[in-house]
């Protein structure tokens, strides 16, 4: 959506506070993850699952279909996250929304995506894949010396299920709207076939499970249109690698991240609404979003120093303490 926002958040490591809708989505995902973990354990004849939020669950004593247990699960997960995401004002309506969305996720189209009725391969499948291709190499000089290596892709897939011996289905739940936030356009089936997230999921699963020939990626927009399924096979890998290569080369060669100025800058973007605590610049130029006489917002201060001193200066002087560009934030993390 905005190169400058990407640069500040992922390269410099300054994080935007999460919004409430996204955090409610995290709560929904966590409950669905635990149900999938319970089914996975049942398949493997294991009695106990261990979870970082609810602790140990004995699946012999707690049925994943029991309504009282589901109520306990939702209450526990909701309390965990709301007690940590304290920058929101939580209301009873928020809990009702989470409960409703979980119910919608498991009952959709005759329980088509209920993890308790699926053959679970892996809930919350993490991947960290180094791309061993000549085009994926990088080399940069930094204050700490030269860094070099190959592009790596990291992520977490909500759920992988088995359809038959050579076919897996990836299931991804979305609680938000079915929009491309960069363009504002609705995501149609045709657009989803080219969607970077779905293609990267297929790419990752193809490498993690090389014996699988066919992969269905189903993305269920719980509150905006239901499920859409896209089918991929090995022949789709070159197109995905082409997409990754083109994006990687753009990012690698960028010396001045583009600032996409819109009404969203000081309405939705954290970096367009806040200034740095330590000695923010007070300077005004035509076209800036910052008010005359007020400290520059973080976004425009970064742009100012990038224009004046260059991107290496900004990386050296504005990187958040302790941040590493290779760091990956797990879904559901309360960092």
C-alpha atoms as a PDB file:
ATOM      1  CA  UNK A   1       0.000   0.000   0.000  1.00  0.00           C
ATOM      2  CA  UNK A   2       2.843   2.384   0.855  1.00  0.00           C
ATOM      3  CA  UNK A   3       6.577   1.702   0.460  1.00  0.00           C
ATOM      4  CA  UNK A   4       7.384   4.169   3.222  1.00  0.00           C
ATOM      5  CA  UNK A   5       5.088   2.432   5.715  1.00  0.00           C
ATOM      6  CA  UNK A   6       6.627  -0.934   4.815  1.00  0.00           C
ATOM      7  CA  UNK A   7      10.135   0.510   5.266  1.00  0.00           C
ATOM      8  CA  UNK A   8       9.393   1.966   8.713  1.00  0.00           C
ATOM      9  CA  UNK A   9       7.653  -1.129  10.003  1.00  0.00           C
ATOM     10  CA  UNK A  10       9.633  -4.032   8.561  1.00  0.00           C
ATOM     11  CA  UNK A  11      13.095  -2.597   7.897  1.00  0.00           C
ATOM     12  CA  UNK A  12      13.374  -0.100  10.763  1.00  0.00           C
ATOM     13  CA  UNK A  13      11.243  -2.171  13.141  1.00  0.00           C
ATOM     14  CA  UNK A  14       8.806   0.467  14.431  1.00  0.00           C
ATOM     15  CA  UNK A  15       5.484  -1.300  15.011  1.00  0.00           C
ATOM     16  CA  UNK A  16       2.018   0.124  14.647  1.00  0.00           C
ATOM     17  CA  UNK A  17      -0.361  -0.701  17.500  1.00  0.00           C
ATOM     18  CA  UNK A  18      -2.845  -3.364  16.466  1.00  0.00           C
ATOM     19  CA  UNK A  19      -6.430  -2.385  15.731  1.00  0.00           C
ATOM     20  CA  UNK A  20      -9.365  -3.917  17.556  1.00  0.00           C
ATOM     21  CA  UNK A  21     -10.842  -5.690  14.528  1.00  0.00           C
ATOM     22  CA  UNK A  22      -7.540  -7.459  13.886  1.00  0.00           C
ATOM     23  CA  UNK A  23      -7.225  -8.434  17.545  1.00  0.00           C
ATOM     24  CA  UNK A  24     -10.734  -9.877  17.512  1.00  0.00           C
ATOM     25  CA  UNK A  25      -9.633 -11.884  14.494  1.00  0.00           C
ATOM     26  CA  UNK A  26      -6.673 -13.162  16.518  1.00  0.00           C
ATOM     27  CA  UNK A  27      -9.071 -14.407  19.211  1.00  0.00           C
ATOM     28  CA  UNK A  28     -11.182 -16.236  16.620  1.00  0.00           C
ATOM     29  CA  UNK A  29      -8.111 -17.803  15.015  1.00  0.00           C
ATOM     30  CA  UNK A  30      -6.785 -19.003  18.358  1.00  0.00           C
ATOM     31  CA  UNK A  31      -9.973 -20.865  19.238  1.00  0.00           C
ATOM     32  CA  UNK A  32     -10.053 -22.506  15.799  1.00  0.00           C
ATOM     33  CA  UNK A  33      -6.376 -23.413  16.165  1.00  0.00           C
ATOM     34  CA  UNK A  34      -7.004 -25.162  19.492  1.00  0.00           C
ATOM     35  CA  UNK A  35      -9.909 -27.150  18.028  1.00  0.00           C
ATOM     36  CA  UNK A  36      -7.645 -28.228  15.161  1.00  0.00           C
ATOM     37  CA  UNK A  37      -4.916 -29.186  17.645  1.00  0.00           C
ATOM     38  CA  UNK A  38      -7.387 -31.326  19.565  1.00  0.00           C
ATOM     39  CA  UNK A  39      -8.488 -33.144  16.398  1.00  0.00           C
ATOM     40  CA  UNK A  40      -4.844 -33.614  15.381  1.00  0.00           C
ATOM     41  CA  UNK A  41      -4.043 -35.130  18.782  1.00  0.00           C
ATOM     42  CA  UNK A  42      -7.071 -37.426  18.572  1.00  0.00           C
ATOM     43  CA  UNK A  43      -5.875 -38.665  15.168  1.00  0.00           C
ATOM     44  CA  UNK A  44      -2.432 -39.383  16.635  1.00  0.00           C
ATOM     45  CA  UNK A  45      -3.931 -41.054  19.736  1.00  0.00           C
ATOM     46  CA  UNK A  46      -2.451 -38.437  22.062  1.00  0.00           C
ATOM     47  CA  UNK A  47      -4.440 -37.425  25.132  1.00  0.00           C
ATOM     48  CA  UNK A  48      -2.894 -34.062  26.020  1.00  0.00           C
ATOM     49  CA  UNK A  49      -2.347 -30.930  23.967  1.00  0.00           C
ATOM     50  CA  UNK A  50      -0.207 -28.063  25.196  1.00  0.00           C
ATOM     51  CA  UNK A  51      -1.152 -24.505  24.318  1.00  0.00           C
ATOM     52  CA  UNK A  52       0.552 -21.235  25.250  1.00  0.00           C
ATOM     53  CA  UNK A  53      -2.770 -19.526  26.060  1.00  0.00           C
ATOM     54  CA  UNK A  54      -5.019 -22.107  27.749  1.00  0.00           C
ATOM     55  CA  UNK A  55      -2.328 -24.483  29.008  1.00  0.00           C
ATOM     56  CA  UNK A  56      -2.682 -28.282  28.927  1.00  0.00           C
ATOM     57  CA  UNK A  57      -5.956 -29.745  27.686  1.00  0.00           C
ATOM     58  CA  UNK A  58      -6.869 -33.396  28.273  1.00  0.00           C
ATOM     59  CA  UNK A  59      -8.922 -34.341  25.223  1.00  0.00           C
ATOM     60  CA  UNK A  60     -10.342 -37.388  27.007  1.00  0.00           C
ATOM     61  CA  UNK A  61     -11.900 -35.203  29.697  1.00  0.00           C
ATOM     62  CA  UNK A  62     -12.780 -32.251  27.440  1.00  0.00           C
ATOM     63  CA  UNK A  63     -14.726 -33.057  24.313  1.00  0.00           C
ATOM     64  CA  UNK A  64     -14.082 -30.666  21.452  1.00  0.00           C
ATOM     65  CA  UNK A  65     -17.799 -30.890  20.610  1.00  0.00           C
ATOM     66  CA  UNK A  66     -19.062 -30.134  24.125  1.00  0.00           C
ATOM     67  CA  UNK A  67     -20.780 -26.733  24.243  1.00  0.00           C
ATOM     68  CA  UNK A  68     -19.661 -26.003  27.808  1.00  0.00           C
ATOM     69  CA  UNK A  69     -16.040 -26.691  26.878  1.00  0.00           C
ATOM     70  CA  UNK A  70     -16.321 -24.445  23.796  1.00  0.00           C
ATOM     71  CA  UNK A  71     -17.733 -21.709  26.035  1.00  0.00           C
ATOM     72  CA  UNK A  72     -14.791 -22.153  28.436  1.00  0.00           C
ATOM     73  CA  UNK A  73     -12.360 -22.045  25.525  1.00  0.00           C
ATOM     74  CA  UNK A  74     -13.780 -18.808  24.123  1.00  0.00           C
ATOM     75  CA  UNK A  75     -13.902 -17.183  27.564  1.00  0.00           C
ATOM     76  CA  UNK A  76     -10.292 -18.146  28.353  1.00  0.00           C
ATOM     77  CA  UNK A  77      -8.875 -17.036  25.002  1.00  0.00           C
ATOM     78  CA  UNK A  78     -10.889 -13.806  25.063  1.00  0.00           C
ATOM     79  CA  UNK A  79      -9.701 -12.961  28.592  1.00  0.00           C
ATOM     80  CA  UNK A  80      -6.081 -13.705  27.668  1.00  0.00           C
ATOM     81  CA  UNK A  81      -5.949 -11.353  24.700  1.00  0.00           C
ATOM     82  CA  UNK A  82      -8.139  -8.563  26.032  1.00  0.00           C
ATOM     83  CA  UNK A  83      -6.021  -8.382  29.192  1.00  0.00           C
ATOM     84  CA  UNK A  84      -2.944  -7.843  27.018  1.00  0.00           C
ATOM     85  CA  UNK A  85      -4.339  -5.646  24.255  1.00  0.00           C
ATOM     86  CA  UNK A  86      -5.085  -2.871  26.732  1.00  0.00           C
ATOM     87  CA  UNK A  87      -4.920  -0.042  24.193  1.00  0.00           C
ATOM     88  CA  UNK A  88      -8.545  -0.858  23.269  1.00  0.00           C
ATOM     89  CA  UNK A  89     -11.778  -0.254  25.154  1.00  0.00           C
ATOM     90  CA  UNK A  90     -13.289  -3.753  25.171  1.00  0.00           C
ATOM     91  CA  UNK A  91     -17.071  -4.110  25.297  1.00  0.00           C
ATOM     92  CA  UNK A  92     -19.487  -7.001  25.710  1.00  0.00           C
ATOM     93  CA  UNK A  93     -20.346  -6.638  22.018  1.00  0.00           C
ATOM     94  CA  UNK A  94     -16.770  -7.570  21.133  1.00  0.00           C
ATOM     95  CA  UNK A  95     -17.062 -10.898  22.923  1.00  0.00           C
ATOM     96  CA  UNK A  96     -20.388 -11.566  21.199  1.00  0.00           C
ATOM     97  CA  UNK A  97     -18.771 -10.805  17.833  1.00  0.00           C
ATOM     98  CA  UNK A  98     -15.938 -13.258  18.490  1.00  0.00           C
ATOM     99  CA  UNK A  99     -18.373 -15.966  19.569  1.00  0.00           C
ATOM    100  CA  UNK A 100     -20.558 -15.383  16.507  1.00  0.00           C
ATOM    101  CA  UNK A 101     -17.591 -15.430  14.114  1.00  0.00           C
ATOM    102  CA  UNK A 102     -16.266 -18.692  15.567  1.00  0.00           C
ATOM    103  CA  UNK A 103     -19.707 -20.240  15.129  1.00  0.00           C
ATOM    104  CA  UNK A 104     -19.894 -18.960  11.541  1.00  0.00           C
ATOM    105  CA  UNK A 105     -16.468 -20.404  10.779  1.00  0.00           C
ATOM    106  CA  UNK A 106     -17.321 -23.928  11.942  1.00  0.00           C
ATOM    107  CA  UNK A 107     -20.913 -24.075  10.646  1.00  0.00           C
ATOM    108  CA  UNK A 108     -20.314 -22.550   7.191  1.00  0.00           C
ATOM    109  CA  UNK A 109     -21.840 -24.590   4.350  1.00  0.00           C
ATOM    110  CA  UNK A 110     -22.711 -27.654   6.405  1.00  0.00           C
ATOM    111  CA  UNK A 111     -19.539 -27.487   8.554  1.00  0.00           C
ATOM    112  CA  UNK A 112     -17.380 -27.677   5.437  1.00  0.00           C
ATOM    113  CA  UNK A 113     -14.387 -26.064   7.198  1.00  0.00           C
ATOM    114  CA  UNK A 114     -14.952 -27.241  10.755  1.00  0.00           C
ATOM    115  CA  UNK A 115     -11.457 -28.440  11.795  1.00  0.00           C
ATOM    116  CA  UNK A 116     -13.020 -31.071  14.079  1.00  0.00           C
ATOM    117  CA  UNK A 117     -14.393 -32.843  11.005  1.00  0.00           C
ATOM    118  CA  UNK A 118     -11.196 -32.664   8.962  1.00  0.00           C
ATOM    119  CA  UNK A 119      -8.175 -34.914   8.503  1.00  0.00           C
ATOM    120  CA  UNK A 120      -5.604 -32.575  10.047  1.00  0.00           C
ATOM    121  CA  UNK A 121      -2.073 -32.494   8.654  1.00  0.00           C
ATOM    122  CA  UNK A 122      -0.855 -29.520  10.663  1.00  0.00           C
ATOM    123  CA  UNK A 123      -2.509 -26.623  12.518  1.00  0.00           C
ATOM    124  CA  UNK A 124      -0.580 -23.341  12.450  1.00  0.00           C
ATOM    125  CA  UNK A 125       2.052 -24.596  10.028  1.00  0.00           C
ATOM    126  CA  UNK A 126       5.121 -22.364  10.291  1.00  0.00           C
ATOM    127  CA  UNK A 127       7.564 -22.078   7.412  1.00  0.00           C
ATOM    128  CA  UNK A 128      10.993 -20.490   7.065  1.00  0.00           C
ATOM    129  CA  UNK A 129      12.315 -21.245   3.598  1.00  0.00           C
ATOM    130  CA  UNK A 130      15.549 -20.038   2.017  1.00  0.00           C
ATOM    131  CA  UNK A 131      15.246 -19.724  -1.766  1.00  0.00           C
ATOM    132  CA  UNK A 132      18.310 -21.346  -3.322  1.00  0.00           C
ATOM    133  CA  UNK A 133      18.284 -19.498  -6.643  1.00  0.00           C
ATOM    134  CA  UNK A 134      20.908 -17.144  -8.146  1.00  0.00           C
ATOM    135  CA  UNK A 135      18.392 -14.279  -8.304  1.00  0.00           C
ATOM    136  CA  UNK A 136      17.645 -14.623  -4.568  1.00  0.00           C
ATOM    137  CA  UNK A 137      21.180 -13.649  -3.468  1.00  0.00           C
ATOM    138  CA  UNK A 138      21.813 -10.368  -1.658  1.00  0.00           C
ATOM    139  CA  UNK A 139      24.844  -8.530  -0.338  1.00  0.00           C
ATOM    140  CA  UNK A 140      24.931  -5.266   1.626  1.00  0.00           C
ATOM    141  CA  UNK A 141      27.500  -3.265   3.575  1.00  0.00           C
ATOM    142  CA  UNK A 142      26.391  -2.169   7.053  1.00  0.00           C
ATOM    143  CA  UNK A 143      27.964  -0.577  10.130  1.00  0.00           C
ATOM    144  CA  UNK A 144      28.381  -4.088  11.500  1.00  0.00           C
ATOM    145  CA  UNK A 145      30.096  -5.342   8.370  1.00  0.00           C
ATOM    146  CA  UNK A 146      28.956  -7.042   5.194  1.00  0.00           C
ATOM    147  CA  UNK A 147      25.808  -9.152   5.255  1.00  0.00           C
ATOM    148  CA  UNK A 148      25.016 -11.618   2.525  1.00  0.00           C
ATOM    149  CA  UNK A 149      22.775 -14.554   1.905  1.00  0.00           C
ATOM    150  CA  UNK A 150      19.635 -15.581   0.064  1.00  0.00           C
ATOM    151  CA  UNK A 151      16.071 -14.375   0.270  1.00  0.00           C
ATOM    152  CA  UNK A 152      13.999 -16.255   2.825  1.00  0.00           C
ATOM    153  CA  UNK A 153      10.229 -16.334   3.163  1.00  0.00           C
ATOM    154  CA  UNK A 154       8.562 -16.834   6.547  1.00  0.00           C
ATOM    155  CA  UNK A 155       4.982 -17.223   7.593  1.00  0.00           C
ATOM    156  CA  UNK A 156       2.292 -19.250   9.312  1.00  0.00           C
ATOM    157  CA  UNK A 157      -0.567 -21.105   7.617  1.00  0.00           C
ATOM    158  CA  UNK A 158      -3.792 -21.404   9.629  1.00  0.00           C
ATOM    159  CA  UNK A 159      -4.481 -25.052   8.812  1.00  0.00           C
ATOM    160  CA  UNK A 160      -3.404 -27.802   6.419  1.00  0.00           C
ATOM    161  CA  UNK A 161      -5.750 -30.740   5.885  1.00  0.00           C
ATOM    162  CA  UNK A 162      -5.538 -33.917   3.823  1.00  0.00           C
ATOM    163  CA  UNK A 163      -8.080 -34.581   1.072  1.00  0.00           C
ATOM    164  CA  UNK A 164      -6.403 -37.656  -0.423  1.00  0.00           C
ATOM    165  CA  UNK A 165      -2.884 -39.063  -0.652  1.00  0.00           C
ATOM    166  CA  UNK A 166      -1.658 -36.559  -3.260  1.00  0.00           C
ATOM    167  CA  UNK A 167      -3.924 -33.615  -2.361  1.00  0.00           C
ATOM    168  CA  UNK A 168      -3.862 -31.192   0.574  1.00  0.00           C
ATOM    169  CA  UNK A 169      -6.194 -28.319   1.337  1.00  0.00           C
ATOM    170  CA  UNK A 170      -4.956 -25.162   3.030  1.00  0.00           C
ATOM    171  CA  UNK A 171      -7.645 -23.378   5.036  1.00  0.00           C
ATOM    172  CA  UNK A 172      -7.295 -19.714   5.929  1.00  0.00           C
ATOM    173  CA  UNK A 173      -9.927 -17.779   7.863  1.00  0.00           C
ATOM    174  CA  UNK A 174     -10.448 -14.040   7.461  1.00  0.00           C
ATOM    175  CA  UNK A 175     -12.692 -12.008   9.769  1.00  0.00           C
ATOM    176  CA  UNK A 176     -12.200  -8.743   7.868  1.00  0.00           C
ATOM    177  CA  UNK A 177     -13.540  -7.501   4.565  1.00  0.00           C
ATOM    178  CA  UNK A 178     -12.739  -9.107   1.222  1.00  0.00           C
ATOM    179  CA  UNK A 179     -10.671  -6.195  -0.034  1.00  0.00           C
ATOM    180  CA  UNK A 180      -7.263  -5.525  -1.488  1.00  0.00           C
ATOM    181  CA  UNK A 181      -6.237  -2.821   0.988  1.00  0.00           C
ATOM    182  CA  UNK A 182      -3.664  -1.387  -1.421  1.00  0.00           C
ATOM    183  CA  UNK A 183      -6.239  -0.668  -4.149  1.00  0.00           C
ATOM    184  CA  UNK A 184      -9.557  -0.737  -2.290  1.00  0.00           C
ATOM    185  CA  UNK A 185     -10.888  -3.249  -4.834  1.00  0.00           C
ATOM    186  CA  UNK A 186     -12.874  -6.338  -3.911  1.00  0.00           C
ATOM    187  CA  UNK A 187     -10.961  -9.617  -4.125  1.00  0.00           C
ATOM    188  CA  UNK A 188     -12.698 -11.743  -6.752  1.00  0.00           C
ATOM    189  CA  UNK A 189     -11.866 -15.364  -7.514  1.00  0.00           C
ATOM    190  CA  UNK A 190      -9.778 -14.193 -10.480  1.00  0.00           C
ATOM    191  CA  UNK A 191      -7.791 -11.850  -8.250  1.00  0.00           C
ATOM    192  CA  UNK A 192      -7.320 -14.533  -5.593  1.00  0.00           C
ATOM    193  CA  UNK A 193      -5.703 -16.802  -8.195  1.00  0.00           C
ATOM    194  CA  UNK A 194      -2.888 -14.227  -8.359  1.00  0.00           C
ATOM    195  CA  UNK A 195      -2.949 -13.291  -4.673  1.00  0.00           C
ATOM    196  CA  UNK A 196       0.618 -13.234  -3.241  1.00  0.00           C
ATOM    197  CA  UNK A 197      -0.410 -14.732   0.120  1.00  0.00           C
ATOM    198  CA  UNK A 198      -2.205 -17.704  -1.421  1.00  0.00           C
ATOM    199  CA  UNK A 199       0.609 -18.316  -3.895  1.00  0.00           C
ATOM    200  CA  UNK A 200       3.243 -18.159  -1.143  1.00  0.00           C
ATOM    201  CA  UNK A 201       1.239 -20.647   0.915  1.00  0.00           C
ATOM    202  CA  UNK A 202       1.167 -23.034  -2.035  1.00  0.00           C
ATOM    203  CA  UNK A 203       4.887 -22.475  -2.635  1.00  0.00           C
ATOM    204  CA  UNK A 204       5.745 -23.182   1.016  1.00  0.00           C
ATOM    205  CA  UNK A 205       3.608 -26.328   1.251  1.00  0.00           C
ATOM    206  CA  UNK A 206       5.086 -27.608  -2.026  1.00  0.00           C
ATOM    207  CA  UNK A 207       8.532 -27.427  -0.437  1.00  0.00           C
ATOM    208  CA  UNK A 208       7.518 -28.722   3.016  1.00  0.00           C
ATOM    209  CA  UNK A 209       5.526 -31.624   1.524  1.00  0.00           C
ATOM    210  CA  UNK A 210       7.195 -32.330  -1.847  1.00  0.00           C
ATOM    211  CA  UNK A 211       5.218 -35.545  -2.431  1.00  0.00           C
ATOM    212  CA  UNK A 212       1.949 -33.608  -2.641  1.00  0.00           C
ATOM    213  CA  UNK A 213       0.907 -32.938  -6.236  1.00  0.00           C
ATOM    214  CA  UNK A 214      -2.225 -30.828  -5.807  1.00  0.00           C
ATOM    215  CA  UNK A 215      -2.927 -28.112  -3.273  1.00  0.00           C
ATOM    216  CA  UNK A 216      -6.256 -26.378  -2.782  1.00  0.00           C
ATOM    217  CA  UNK A 217      -6.102 -23.042  -0.998  1.00  0.00           C
ATOM    218  CA  UNK A 218      -9.457 -22.120   0.563  1.00  0.00           C
ATOM    219  CA  UNK A 219      -9.807 -18.682   2.083  1.00  0.00           C
ATOM    220  CA  UNK A 220     -12.990 -18.255   4.105  1.00  0.00           C
ATOM    221  CA  UNK A 221     -14.121 -14.648   4.479  1.00  0.00           C
ATOM    222  CA  UNK A 222     -16.333 -15.305   7.496  1.00  0.00           C
ATOM    223  CA  UNK A 223     -18.078 -11.923   7.365  1.00  0.00           C
ATOM    224  CA  UNK A 224     -17.804 -11.031   3.689  1.00  0.00           C
ATOM    225  CA  UNK A 225     -18.820 -13.586   1.104  1.00  0.00           C
ATOM    226  CA  UNK A 226     -17.773 -16.922   2.547  1.00  0.00           C
ATOM    227  CA  UNK A 227     -15.200 -19.278   1.067  1.00  0.00           C
ATOM    228  CA  UNK A 228     -13.244 -19.084  -2.172  1.00  0.00           C
ATOM    229  CA  UNK A 229     -11.037 -21.983  -3.269  1.00  0.00           C
ATOM    230  CA  UNK A 230      -8.097 -21.830  -5.671  1.00  0.00           C
ATOM    231  CA  UNK A 231      -6.349 -24.957  -6.976  1.00  0.00           C
ATOM    232  CA  UNK A 232      -2.588 -25.084  -7.541  1.00  0.00           C
ATOM    233  CA  UNK A 233      -0.145 -27.735  -8.694  1.00  0.00           C
ATOM    234  CA  UNK A 234       3.576 -27.978  -9.484  1.00  0.00           C
ATOM    235  CA  UNK A 235       3.155 -26.066 -12.743  1.00  0.00           C
ATOM    236  CA  UNK A 236       2.231 -22.921 -10.782  1.00  0.00           C
ATOM    237  CA  UNK A 237       5.590 -22.723  -8.979  1.00  0.00           C
ATOM    238  CA  UNK A 238       7.514 -20.823 -11.729  1.00  0.00           C
ATOM    239  CA  UNK A 239       4.891 -18.053 -11.789  1.00  0.00           C
ATOM    240  CA  UNK A 240       5.081 -17.712  -7.997  1.00  0.00           C
ATOM    241  CA  UNK A 241       8.888 -17.544  -8.121  1.00  0.00           C
ATOM    242  CA  UNK A 242       8.622 -14.864 -10.821  1.00  0.00           C
ATOM    243  CA  UNK A 243       6.310 -12.841  -8.546  1.00  0.00           C
ATOM    244  CA  UNK A 244       8.713 -13.219  -5.600  1.00  0.00           C
ATOM    245  CA  UNK A 245      11.721 -12.311  -7.731  1.00  0.00           C
ATOM    246  CA  UNK A 246      10.134  -9.142  -9.098  1.00  0.00           C
ATOM    247  CA  UNK A 247       9.067  -7.932  -5.641  1.00  0.00           C
ATOM    248  CA  UNK A 248      12.443  -8.833  -4.111  1.00  0.00           C
ATOM    249  CA  UNK A 249      14.356  -6.935  -6.787  1.00  0.00           C
ATOM    250  CA  UNK A 250      12.215  -3.837  -6.302  1.00  0.00           C
ATOM    251  CA  UNK A 251      12.736  -3.868  -2.528  1.00  0.00           C
ATOM    252  CA  UNK A 252      16.448  -4.636  -2.827  1.00  0.00           C
ATOM    253  CA  UNK A 253      17.097  -1.755  -5.227  1.00  0.00           C
ATOM    254  CA  UNK A 254      14.962   0.879  -3.485  1.00  0.00           C
ATOM    255  CA  UNK A 255      16.974   3.853  -2.197  1.00  0.00           C
ATOM    256  CA  UNK A 256      14.041   6.162  -1.437  1.00  0.00           C
ATOM    257  CA  UNK A 257      10.854   4.359  -0.393  1.00  0.00           C
ATOM    258  CA  UNK A 258       7.868   5.964  -2.059  1.00  0.00           C
ATOM    259  CA  UNK A 259       5.527   7.853   0.256  1.00  0.00           C
ATOM    260  CA  UNK A 260       1.985   7.281  -0.994  1.00  0.00           C
ATOM    261  CA  UNK A 261       0.195  10.368   0.343  1.00  0.00           C
ATOM    262  CA  UNK A 262      -3.544   9.909   0.740  1.00  0.00           C
ATOM    263  CA  UNK A 263      -6.254  10.719   3.286  1.00  0.00           C
ATOM    264  CA  UNK A 264      -5.211   7.519   5.079  1.00  0.00           C
ATOM    265  CA  UNK A 265      -1.886   9.071   6.189  1.00  0.00           C
ATOM    266  CA  UNK A 266      -3.175  10.984   9.215  1.00  0.00           C
ATOM    267  CA  UNK A 267      -6.403   9.005   9.638  1.00  0.00           C
ATOM    268  CA  UNK A 268      -5.299   5.363   9.579  1.00  0.00           C
ATOM    269  CA  UNK A 269      -1.486   5.222   9.518  1.00  0.00           C
ATOM    270  CA  UNK A 270       0.179   5.257  12.950  1.00  0.00           C
ATOM    271  CA  UNK A 271       3.344   6.811  11.490  1.00  0.00           C
ATOM    272  CA  UNK A 272       1.340   9.629   9.945  1.00  0.00           C
ATOM    273  CA  UNK A 273      -0.419  10.396  13.243  1.00  0.00           C
ATOM    274  CA  UNK A 274       2.499  10.326  15.694  1.00  0.00           C
ATOM    275  CA  UNK A 275       5.903  11.983  16.120  1.00  0.00           C
ATOM    276  CA  UNK A 276       9.142  10.632  17.565  1.00  0.00           C
ATOM    277  CA  UNK A 277       9.525  11.200  21.307  1.00  0.00           C
ATOM    278  CA  UNK A 278      13.186  12.241  21.136  1.00  0.00           C
ATOM    279  CA  UNK A 279      13.832  15.579  19.445  1.00  0.00           C
ATOM    280  CA  UNK A 280      11.302  15.409  16.594  1.00  0.00           C
ATOM    281  CA  UNK A 281      11.983  17.773  13.700  1.00  0.00           C
ATOM    282  CA  UNK A 282       9.864  20.909  13.491  1.00  0.00           C
ATOM    283  CA  UNK A 283       9.933  22.006   9.911  1.00  0.00           C
ATOM    284  CA  UNK A 284       7.271  22.620   7.309  1.00  0.00           C
ATOM    285  CA  UNK A 285       7.353  22.148   3.563  1.00  0.00           C
ATOM    286  CA  UNK A 286       4.569  22.465   1.021  1.00  0.00           C
ATOM    287  CA  UNK A 287       2.565  19.284   0.623  1.00  0.00           C
ATOM    288  CA  UNK A 288       3.310  17.889   4.062  1.00  0.00           C
ATOM    289  CA  UNK A 289       0.558  16.356   6.161  1.00  0.00           C
ATOM    290  CA  UNK A 290       2.084  17.812   9.319  1.00  0.00           C
ATOM    291  CA  UNK A 291       0.606  21.127  10.493  1.00  0.00           C
ATOM    292  CA  UNK A 292       2.802  24.253  10.348  1.00  0.00           C
ATOM    293  CA  UNK A 293       4.673  24.709  13.628  1.00  0.00           C
ATOM    294  CA  UNK A 294       4.008  21.158  14.809  1.00  0.00           C
ATOM    295  CA  UNK A 295       6.613  18.361  15.036  1.00  0.00           C
ATOM    296  CA  UNK A 296       6.934  16.292  11.900  1.00  0.00           C
ATOM    297  CA  UNK A 297       5.095  13.004  12.017  1.00  0.00           C
ATOM    298  CA  UNK A 298       7.326   9.924  12.021  1.00  0.00           C
ATOM    299  CA  UNK A 299       6.658   9.220   8.366  1.00  0.00           C
ATOM    300  CA  UNK A 300       7.632  12.668   7.106  1.00  0.00           C
ATOM    301  CA  UNK A 301      10.664  12.879   9.377  1.00  0.00           C
ATOM    302  CA  UNK A 302      11.942   9.579   7.953  1.00  0.00           C
ATOM    303  CA  UNK A 303      11.325  10.888   4.429  1.00  0.00           C
ATOM    304  CA  UNK A 304      13.071  14.182   5.277  1.00  0.00           C
ATOM    305  CA  UNK A 305      16.233  12.419   6.485  1.00  0.00           C
ATOM    306  CA  UNK A 306      16.164   9.864   3.659  1.00  0.00           C
ATOM    307  CA  UNK A 307      16.084  12.713   1.127  1.00  0.00           C
ATOM    308  CA  UNK A 308      18.786  14.654   2.989  1.00  0.00           C
ATOM    309  CA  UNK A 309      21.176  11.941   4.176  1.00  0.00           C
ATOM    310  CA  UNK A 310      20.265   8.754   2.292  1.00  0.00           C
ATOM    311  CA  UNK A 311      18.743   5.412   3.207  1.00  0.00           C
ATOM    312  CA  UNK A 312      21.873   4.020   4.897  1.00  0.00           C
ATOM    313  CA  UNK A 313      21.936   6.941   7.345  1.00  0.00           C
ATOM    314  CA  UNK A 314      18.269   6.360   8.187  1.00  0.00           C
ATOM    315  CA  UNK A 315      18.773   2.622   8.735  1.00  0.00           C
ATOM    316  CA  UNK A 316      21.762   3.318  10.995  1.00  0.00           C
ATOM    317  CA  UNK A 317      20.036   6.028  13.029  1.00  0.00           C
ATOM    318  CA  UNK A 318      16.346   5.122  13.084  1.00  0.00           C
ATOM    319  CA  UNK A 319      16.295   1.338  13.471  1.00  0.00           C
ATOM    320  CA  UNK A 320      14.324   0.388  16.582  1.00  0.00           C
ATOM    321  CA  UNK A 321      16.603  -0.833  19.369  1.00  0.00           C
ATOM    322  CA  UNK A 322      17.018  -4.613  19.188  1.00  0.00           C
ATOM    323  CA  UNK A 323      15.227  -4.983  15.854  1.00  0.00           C
ATOM    324  CA  UNK A 324      16.604  -7.395  13.292  1.00  0.00           C
ATOM    325  CA  UNK A 325      15.286  -7.291   9.754  1.00  0.00           C
ATOM    326  CA  UNK A 326      14.971 -11.109   9.749  1.00  0.00           C
ATOM    327  CA  UNK A 327      12.673 -11.129  12.790  1.00  0.00           C
ATOM    328  CA  UNK A 328       9.268 -12.719  12.268  1.00  0.00           C
ATOM    329  CA  UNK A 329       6.275 -11.938  14.489  1.00  0.00           C
ATOM    330  CA  UNK A 330       4.083 -14.993  15.014  1.00  0.00           C
ATOM    331  CA  UNK A 331       0.321 -14.626  14.529  1.00  0.00           C
ATOM    332  CA  UNK A 332      -1.283 -14.184  17.938  1.00  0.00           C
ATOM    333  CA  UNK A 333       1.882 -12.742  19.461  1.00  0.00           C
ATOM    334  CA  UNK A 334       1.184 -10.107  22.118  1.00  0.00           C
ATOM    335  CA  UNK A 335       4.557  -8.351  21.664  1.00  0.00           C
END
